[in-house]
Amino acid sequence: MQRRERTRLLIELGGLVQKAGLIELADDDRATLYGALLDLASRARGDDAGHVLALWKRRGRRAFDAEAEVSEAG
């Protein structure tokens, strides 16, 4: 069961990478994507981590809410 849940989580995370447009921006270059993710992780561990994570969470929630509104309207 744990393996199935982990697989689902990884698929969902990959979907978020795609939804954010990172695959196209990086021209499907995995080294570029990995470097970008490493940069994000570094920022999230920095001195201003609480602020950075709160900002990302707000932006993500707004994007999910906007997407839900479009989905409901369509």
PDB file of N, CA and C in Angstrom:
ATOM      1  N   MET A   1       0.814  -1.198   0.000  1.00  0.00           N
ATOM      2  CA  MET A   1       0.000   0.000   0.000  1.00  0.00           C
ATOM      3  C   MET A   1       0.861   1.266   0.000  1.00  0.00           C
ATOM      4  N   GLN A   2       1.939   1.272   0.800  1.00  0.00           N
ATOM      5  CA  GLN A   2       2.806   2.442   0.855  1.00  0.00           C
ATOM      6  C   GLN A   2       3.438   2.738  -0.503  1.00  0.00           C
ATOM      7  N   ARG A   3       3.789   1.713  -1.222  1.00  0.00           N
ATOM      8  CA  ARG A   3       4.411   1.891  -2.529  1.00  0.00           C
ATOM      9  C   ARG A   3       3.442   2.574  -3.489  1.00  0.00           C
ATOM     10  N   ARG A   4       2.188   2.162  -3.449  1.00  0.00           N
ATOM     11  CA  ARG A   4       1.160   2.747  -4.309  1.00  0.00           C
ATOM     12  C   ARG A   4       0.940   4.221  -3.959  1.00  0.00           C
ATOM     13  N   GLU A   5       0.910   4.530  -2.667  1.00  0.00           N
ATOM     14  CA  GLU A   5       0.734   5.911  -2.231  1.00  0.00           C
ATOM     15  C   GLU A   5       1.908   6.778  -2.649  1.00  0.00           C
ATOM     16  N   ARG A   6       3.116   6.248  -2.532  1.00  0.00           N
ATOM     17  CA  ARG A   6       4.305   6.999  -2.937  1.00  0.00           C
ATOM     18  C   ARG A   6       4.292   7.246  -4.445  1.00  0.00           C
ATOM     19  N   THR A   7       3.906   6.230  -5.207  1.00  0.00           N
ATOM     20  CA  THR A   7       3.823   6.381  -6.658  1.00  0.00           C
ATOM     21  C   THR A   7       2.823   7.464  -7.019  1.00  0.00           C
ATOM     22  N   ARG A   8       1.681   7.463  -6.366  1.00  0.00           N
ATOM     23  CA  ARG A   8       0.655   8.483  -6.625  1.00  0.00           C
ATOM     24  C   ARG A   8       1.192   9.874  -6.291  1.00  0.00           C
ATOM     25  N   LEU A   9       1.879  10.005  -5.153  1.00  0.00           N
ATOM     26  CA  LEU A   9       2.462  11.282  -4.756  1.00  0.00           C
ATOM     27  C   LEU A   9       3.448  11.783  -5.804  1.00  0.00           C
ATOM     28  N   LEU A  10       4.327  10.895  -6.273  1.00  0.00           N
ATOM     29  CA  LEU A  10       5.330  11.302  -7.261  1.00  0.00           C
ATOM     30  C   LEU A  10       4.679  11.712  -8.582  1.00  0.00           C
ATOM     31  N   ILE A  11       3.628  11.035  -8.973  1.00  0.00           N
ATOM     32  CA  ILE A  11       2.908  11.405 -10.190  1.00  0.00           C
ATOM     33  C   ILE A  11       2.270  12.782 -10.023  1.00  0.00           C
ATOM     34  N   GLU A  12       1.662  13.013  -8.863  1.00  0.00           N
ATOM     35  CA  GLU A  12       1.044  14.315  -8.603  1.00  0.00           C
ATOM     36  C   GLU A  12       2.085  15.431  -8.613  1.00  0.00           C
ATOM     37  N   LEU A  13       3.247  15.190  -8.022  1.00  0.00           N
ATOM     38  CA  LEU A  13       4.304  16.199  -8.008  1.00  0.00           C
ATOM     39  C   LEU A  13       4.805  16.492  -9.421  1.00  0.00           C
ATOM     40  N   GLY A  14       4.943  15.451 -10.222  1.00  0.00           N
ATOM     41  CA  GLY A  14       5.324  15.650 -11.616  1.00  0.00           C
ATOM     42  C   GLY A  14       4.278  16.471 -12.358  1.00  0.00           C
ATOM     43  N   GLY A  15       3.019  16.244 -12.033  1.00  0.00           N
ATOM     44  CA  GLY A  15       1.939  17.025 -12.634  1.00  0.00           C
ATOM     45  C   GLY A  15       2.045  18.493 -12.270  1.00  0.00           C
ATOM     46  N   LEU A  16       2.467  18.786 -11.056  1.00  0.00           N
ATOM     47  CA  LEU A  16       2.642  20.176 -10.651  1.00  0.00           C
ATOM     48  C   LEU A  16       3.788  20.845 -11.420  1.00  0.00           C
ATOM     49  N   VAL A  17       4.852  20.105 -11.652  1.00  0.00           N
ATOM     50  CA  VAL A  17       5.964  20.629 -12.449  1.00  0.00           C
ATOM     51  C   VAL A  17       5.467  20.979 -13.847  1.00  0.00           C
ATOM     52  N   GLN A  18       4.664  20.097 -14.407  1.00  0.00           N
ATOM     53  CA  GLN A  18       4.096  20.341 -15.739  1.00  0.00           C
ATOM     54  C   GLN A  18       3.124  21.512 -15.708  1.00  0.00           C
ATOM     55  N   LYS A  19       2.245  21.548 -14.706  1.00  0.00           N
ATOM     56  CA  LYS A  19       1.224  22.587 -14.596  1.00  0.00           C
ATOM     57  C   LYS A  19       1.853  23.965 -14.449  1.00  0.00           C
ATOM     58  N   ALA A  20       2.977  24.040 -13.767  1.00  0.00           N
ATOM     59  CA  ALA A  20       3.668  25.313 -13.582  1.00  0.00           C
ATOM     60  C   ALA A  20       4.364  25.786 -14.857  1.00  0.00           C
ATOM     61  N   GLY A  21       4.412  24.942 -15.860  1.00  0.00           N
ATOM     62  CA  GLY A  21       5.038  25.317 -17.126  1.00  0.00           C
ATOM     63  C   GLY A  21       6.541  25.149 -17.148  1.00  0.00           C
ATOM     64  N   LEU A  22       7.085  24.461 -16.140  1.00  0.00           N
ATOM     65  CA  LEU A  22       8.539  24.332 -16.053  1.00  0.00           C
ATOM     66  C   LEU A  22       9.127  23.432 -17.128  1.00  0.00           C
ATOM     67  N   ILE A  23       8.383  22.447 -17.558  1.00  0.00           N
ATOM     68  CA  ILE A  23       8.901  21.526 -18.577  1.00  0.00           C
ATOM     69  C   ILE A  23       9.160  22.279 -19.870  1.00  0.00           C
ATOM     70  N   GLU A  24       8.192  23.095 -20.265  1.00  0.00           N
ATOM     71  CA  GLU A  24       8.358  23.865 -21.504  1.00  0.00           C
ATOM     72  C   GLU A  24       9.435  24.931 -21.356  1.00  0.00           C
ATOM     73  N   LEU A  25       9.451  25.605 -20.194  1.00  0.00           N
ATOM     74  CA  LEU A  25      10.452  26.655 -19.972  1.00  0.00           C
ATOM     75  C   LEU A  25      11.871  26.108 -20.019  1.00  0.00           C
ATOM     76  N   ALA A  26      12.042  24.890 -19.513  1.00  0.00           N
ATOM     77  CA  ALA A  26      13.371  24.274 -19.475  1.00  0.00           C
ATOM     78  C   ALA A  26      13.642  23.456 -20.732  1.00  0.00           C
ATOM     79  N   ASP A  27      12.724  23.505 -21.684  1.00  0.00           N
ATOM     80  CA  ASP A  27      12.856  22.740 -22.925  1.00  0.00           C
ATOM     81  C   ASP A  27      13.059  21.252 -22.624  1.00  0.00           C
ATOM     82  N   ASP A  28      12.332  20.773 -21.618  1.00  0.00           N
ATOM     83  CA  ASP A  28      12.349  19.361 -21.214  1.00  0.00           C
ATOM     84  C   ASP A  28      13.750  18.858 -20.860  1.00  0.00           C
ATOM     85  N   ASP A  29      14.587  19.769 -20.358  1.00  0.00           N
ATOM     86  CA  ASP A  29      15.953  19.409 -19.961  1.00  0.00           C
ATOM     87  C   ASP A  29      15.963  19.090 -18.473  1.00  0.00           C
ATOM     88  N   ARG A  30      16.160  17.843 -18.140  1.00  0.00           N
ATOM     89  CA  ARG A  30      16.083  17.414 -16.743  1.00  0.00           C
ATOM     90  C   ARG A  30      17.157  18.041 -15.862  1.00  0.00           C
ATOM     91  N   ALA A  31      18.327  18.299 -16.406  1.00  0.00           N
ATOM     92  CA  ALA A  31      19.380  18.948 -15.621  1.00  0.00           C
ATOM     93  C   ALA A  31      18.952  20.364 -15.234  1.00  0.00           C
ATOM     94  N   THR A  32      18.314  21.070 -16.148  1.00  0.00           N
ATOM     95  CA  THR A  32      17.828  22.418 -15.860  1.00  0.00           C
ATOM     96  C   THR A  32      16.739  22.369 -14.801  1.00  0.00           C
ATOM     97  N   LEU A  33      15.797  21.446 -14.959  1.00  0.00           N
ATOM     98  CA  LEU A  33      14.717  21.305 -13.981  1.00  0.00           C
ATOM     99  C   LEU A  33      15.276  20.953 -12.598  1.00  0.00           C
ATOM    100  N   TYR A  34      16.211  20.036 -12.564  1.00  0.00           N
ATOM    101  CA  TYR A  34      16.804  19.630 -11.296  1.00  0.00           C
ATOM    102  C   TYR A  34      17.538  20.805 -10.648  1.00  0.00           C
ATOM    103  N   GLY A  35      18.281  21.553 -11.443  1.00  0.00           N
ATOM    104  CA  GLY A  35      18.978  22.733 -10.930  1.00  0.00           C
ATOM    105  C   GLY A  35      18.007  23.757 -10.362  1.00  0.00           C
ATOM    106  N   ALA A  36      16.895  23.967 -11.055  1.00  0.00           N
ATOM    107  CA  ALA A  36      15.885  24.906 -10.565  1.00  0.00           C
ATOM    108  C   ALA A  36      15.295  24.421  -9.241  1.00  0.00           C
ATOM    109  N   LEU A  37      15.009  23.143  -9.151  1.00  0.00           N
ATOM    110  CA  LEU A  37      14.462  22.592  -7.917  1.00  0.00           C
ATOM    111  C   LEU A  37      15.471  22.669  -6.775  1.00  0.00           C
ATOM    112  N   LEU A  38      16.733  22.454  -7.076  1.00  0.00           N
ATOM    113  CA  LEU A  38      17.775  22.601  -6.053  1.00  0.00           C
ATOM    114  C   LEU A  38      17.853  24.043  -5.559  1.00  0.00           C
ATOM    115  N   ASP A  39      17.683  24.999  -6.479  1.00  0.00           N
ATOM    116  CA  ASP A  39      17.686  26.409  -6.100  1.00  0.00           C
ATOM    117  C   ASP A  39      16.498  26.716  -5.188  1.00  0.00           C
ATOM    118  N   LEU A  40      15.333  26.185  -5.522  1.00  0.00           N
ATOM    119  CA  LEU A  40      14.155  26.373  -4.672  1.00  0.00           C
ATOM    120  C   LEU A  40      14.379  25.800  -3.279  1.00  0.00           C
ATOM    121  N   ALA A  41      14.952  24.608  -3.222  1.00  0.00           N
ATOM    122  CA  ALA A  41      15.223  23.975  -1.931  1.00  0.00           C
ATOM    123  C   ALA A  41      16.203  24.803  -1.116  1.00  0.00           C
ATOM    124  N   SER A  42      17.198  25.365  -1.763  1.00  0.00           N
ATOM    125  CA  SER A  42      18.173  26.204  -1.078  1.00  0.00           C
ATOM    126  C   SER A  42      17.505  27.448  -0.505  1.00  0.00           C
ATOM    127  N   ARG A  43      16.631  28.068  -1.277  1.00  0.00           N
ATOM    128  CA  ARG A  43      15.908  29.244  -0.793  1.00  0.00           C
ATOM    129  C   ARG A  43      15.016  28.889   0.389  1.00  0.00           C
ATOM    130  N   ALA A  44      14.397  27.714   0.329  1.00  0.00           N
ATOM    131  CA  ALA A  44      13.498  27.278   1.397  1.00  0.00           C
ATOM    132  C   ALA A  44      14.257  26.941   2.680  1.00  0.00           C
ATOM    133  N   ARG A  45      15.559  26.743   2.577  1.00  0.00           N
ATOM    134  CA  ARG A  45      16.384  26.461   3.754  1.00  0.00           C
ATOM    135  C   ARG A  45      17.126  27.706   4.245  1.00  0.00           C
ATOM    136  N   GLY A  46      16.977  28.809   3.528  1.00  0.00           N
ATOM    137  CA  GLY A  46      17.729  30.021   3.842  1.00  0.00           C
ATOM    138  C   GLY A  46      17.225  30.735   5.081  1.00  0.00           C
ATOM    139  N   ASP A  47      17.844  31.880   5.349  1.00  0.00           N
ATOM    140  CA  ASP A  47      17.507  32.678   6.528  1.00  0.00           C
ATOM    141  C   ASP A  47      16.061  33.162   6.516  1.00  0.00           C
ATOM    142  N   ASP A  48      15.512  33.372   5.337  1.00  0.00           N
ATOM    143  CA  ASP A  48      14.161  33.907   5.178  1.00  0.00           C
ATOM    144  C   ASP A  48      13.165  32.804   4.822  1.00  0.00           C
ATOM    145  N   ALA A  49      13.437  31.584   5.259  1.00  0.00           N
ATOM    146  CA  ALA A  49      12.663  30.413   4.854  1.00  0.00           C
ATOM    147  C   ALA A  49      11.170  30.557   5.159  1.00  0.00           C
ATOM    148  N   GLY A  50      10.830  31.034   6.332  1.00  0.00           N
ATOM    149  CA  GLY A  50       9.421  31.166   6.703  1.00  0.00           C
ATOM    150  C   GLY A  50       8.666  32.070   5.756  1.00  0.00           C
ATOM    151  N   HIS A  51       9.275  33.196   5.412  1.00  0.00           N
ATOM    152  CA  HIS A  51       8.646  34.140   4.484  1.00  0.00           C
ATOM    153  C   HIS A  51       8.526  33.543   3.085  1.00  0.00           C
ATOM    154  N   VAL A  52       9.577  32.913   2.626  1.00  0.00           N
ATOM    155  CA  VAL A  52       9.599  32.319   1.286  1.00  0.00           C
ATOM    156  C   VAL A  52       8.524  31.241   1.170  1.00  0.00           C
ATOM    157  N   LEU A  53       8.457  30.351   2.150  1.00  0.00           N
ATOM    158  CA  LEU A  53       7.465  29.277   2.105  1.00  0.00           C
ATOM    159  C   LEU A  53       6.044  29.832   2.173  1.00  0.00           C
ATOM    160  N   ALA A  54       5.817  30.849   2.991  1.00  0.00           N
ATOM    161  CA  ALA A  54       4.492  31.461   3.084  1.00  0.00           C
ATOM    162  C   ALA A  54       4.100  32.103   1.754  1.00  0.00           C
ATOM    163  N   LEU A  55       5.044  32.777   1.114  1.00  0.00           N
ATOM    164  CA  LEU A  55       4.791  33.391  -0.187  1.00  0.00           C
ATOM    165  C   LEU A  55       4.434  32.342  -1.223  1.00  0.00           C
ATOM    166  N   TRP A  56       5.196  31.263  -1.289  1.00  0.00           N
ATOM    167  CA  TRP A  56       4.923  30.191  -2.248  1.00  0.00           C
ATOM    168  C   TRP A  56       3.557  29.560  -1.995  1.00  0.00           C
ATOM    169  N   LYS A  57       3.233  29.377  -0.727  1.00  0.00           N
ATOM    170  CA  LYS A  57       1.942  28.769  -0.389  1.00  0.00           C
ATOM    171  C   LYS A  57       0.788  29.667  -0.849  1.00  0.00           C
ATOM    172  N   ARG A  58       0.898  30.975  -0.596  1.00  0.00           N
ATOM    173  CA  ARG A  58      -0.152  31.906  -1.031  1.00  0.00           C
ATOM    174  C   ARG A  58      -0.314  31.877  -2.542  1.00  0.00           C
ATOM    175  N   ARG A  59       0.794  31.918  -3.250  1.00  0.00           N
ATOM    176  CA  ARG A  59       0.733  31.901  -4.715  1.00  0.00           C
ATOM    177  C   ARG A  59       0.107  30.606  -5.225  1.00  0.00           C
ATOM    178  N   GLY A  60       0.491  29.499  -4.625  1.00  0.00           N
ATOM    179  CA  GLY A  60      -0.059  28.209  -5.029  1.00  0.00           C
ATOM    180  C   GLY A  60      -1.542  28.116  -4.762  1.00  0.00           C
ATOM    181  N   ARG A  61      -1.967  28.568  -3.601  1.00  0.00           N
ATOM    182  CA  ARG A  61      -3.403  28.527  -3.278  1.00  0.00           C
ATOM    183  C   ARG A  61      -4.201  29.399  -4.227  1.00  0.00           C
ATOM    184  N   ARG A  62      -3.686  30.585  -4.529  1.00  0.00           N
ATOM    185  CA  ARG A  62      -4.375  31.472  -5.481  1.00  0.00           C
ATOM    186  C   ARG A  62      -4.504  30.803  -6.847  1.00  0.00           C
ATOM    187  N   ALA A  63      -3.440  30.160  -7.290  1.00  0.00           N
ATOM    188  CA  ALA A  63      -3.474  29.488  -8.596  1.00  0.00           C
ATOM    189  C   ALA A  63      -4.474  28.340  -8.595  1.00  0.00           C
ATOM    190  N   PHE A  64      -4.485  27.531  -7.520  1.00  0.00           N
ATOM    191  CA  PHE A  64      -5.459  26.442  -7.417  1.00  0.00           C
ATOM    192  C   PHE A  64      -6.884  26.988  -7.395  1.00  0.00           C
ATOM    193  N   ASP A  65      -7.108  28.068  -6.633  1.00  0.00           N
ATOM    194  CA  ASP A  65      -8.446  28.665  -6.555  1.00  0.00           C
ATOM    195  C   ASP A  65      -8.890  29.205  -7.909  1.00  0.00           C
ATOM    196  N   ALA A  66      -7.985  29.891  -8.601  1.00  0.00           N
ATOM    197  CA  ALA A  66      -8.315  30.424  -9.930  1.00  0.00           C
ATOM    198  C   ALA A  66      -8.642  29.293 -10.899  1.00  0.00           C
ATOM    199  N   GLU A  67      -7.886  28.229 -10.826  1.00  0.00           N
ATOM    200  CA  GLU A  67      -8.134  27.089 -11.694  1.00  0.00           C
ATOM    201  C   GLU A  67      -9.489  26.449 -11.387  1.00  0.00           C
ATOM    202  N   ALA A  68      -9.833  26.362 -10.112  1.00  0.00           N
ATOM    203  CA  ALA A  68     -11.111  25.791  -9.715  1.00  0.00           C
ATOM    204  C   ALA A  68     -12.267  26.655 -10.206  1.00  0.00           C
ATOM    205  N   GLU A  69     -12.117  27.990 -10.148  1.00  0.00           N
ATOM    206  CA  GLU A  69     -13.153  28.892 -10.639  1.00  0.00           C
ATOM    207  C   GLU A  69     -13.374  28.717 -12.129  1.00  0.00           C
ATOM    208  N   VAL A  70     -12.286  28.599 -12.885  1.00  0.00           N
ATOM    209  CA  VAL A  70     -12.396  28.400 -14.326  1.00  0.00           C
ATOM    210  C   VAL A  70     -13.074  27.056 -14.607  1.00  0.00           C
ATOM    211  N   SER A  71     -12.713  26.045 -13.851  1.00  0.00           N
ATOM    212  CA  SER A  71     -13.282  24.714 -14.028  1.00  0.00           C
ATOM    213  C   SER A  71     -14.776  24.714 -13.724  1.00  0.00           C
ATOM    214  N   GLU A  72     -15.179  25.413 -12.684  1.00  0.00           N
ATOM    215  CA  GLU A  72     -16.589  25.484 -12.312  1.00  0.00           C
ATOM    216  C   GLU A  72     -17.392  26.276 -13.337  1.00  0.00           C
ATOM    217  N   ALA A  73     -16.787  27.315 -13.911  1.00  0.00           N
ATOM    218  CA  ALA A  73     -17.478  28.154 -14.883  1.00  0.00           C
ATOM    219  C   ALA A  73     -17.629  27.465 -16.227  1.00  0.00           C
ATOM    220  N   GLY A  74     -16.715  26.537 -16.510  1.00  0.00           N
ATOM    221  CA  GLY A  74     -16.702  25.899 -17.830  1.00  0.00           C
ATOM    222  C   GLY A  74     -17.487  24.688 -17.866  1.00  0.00           C
TER     223      GLY A  74
END
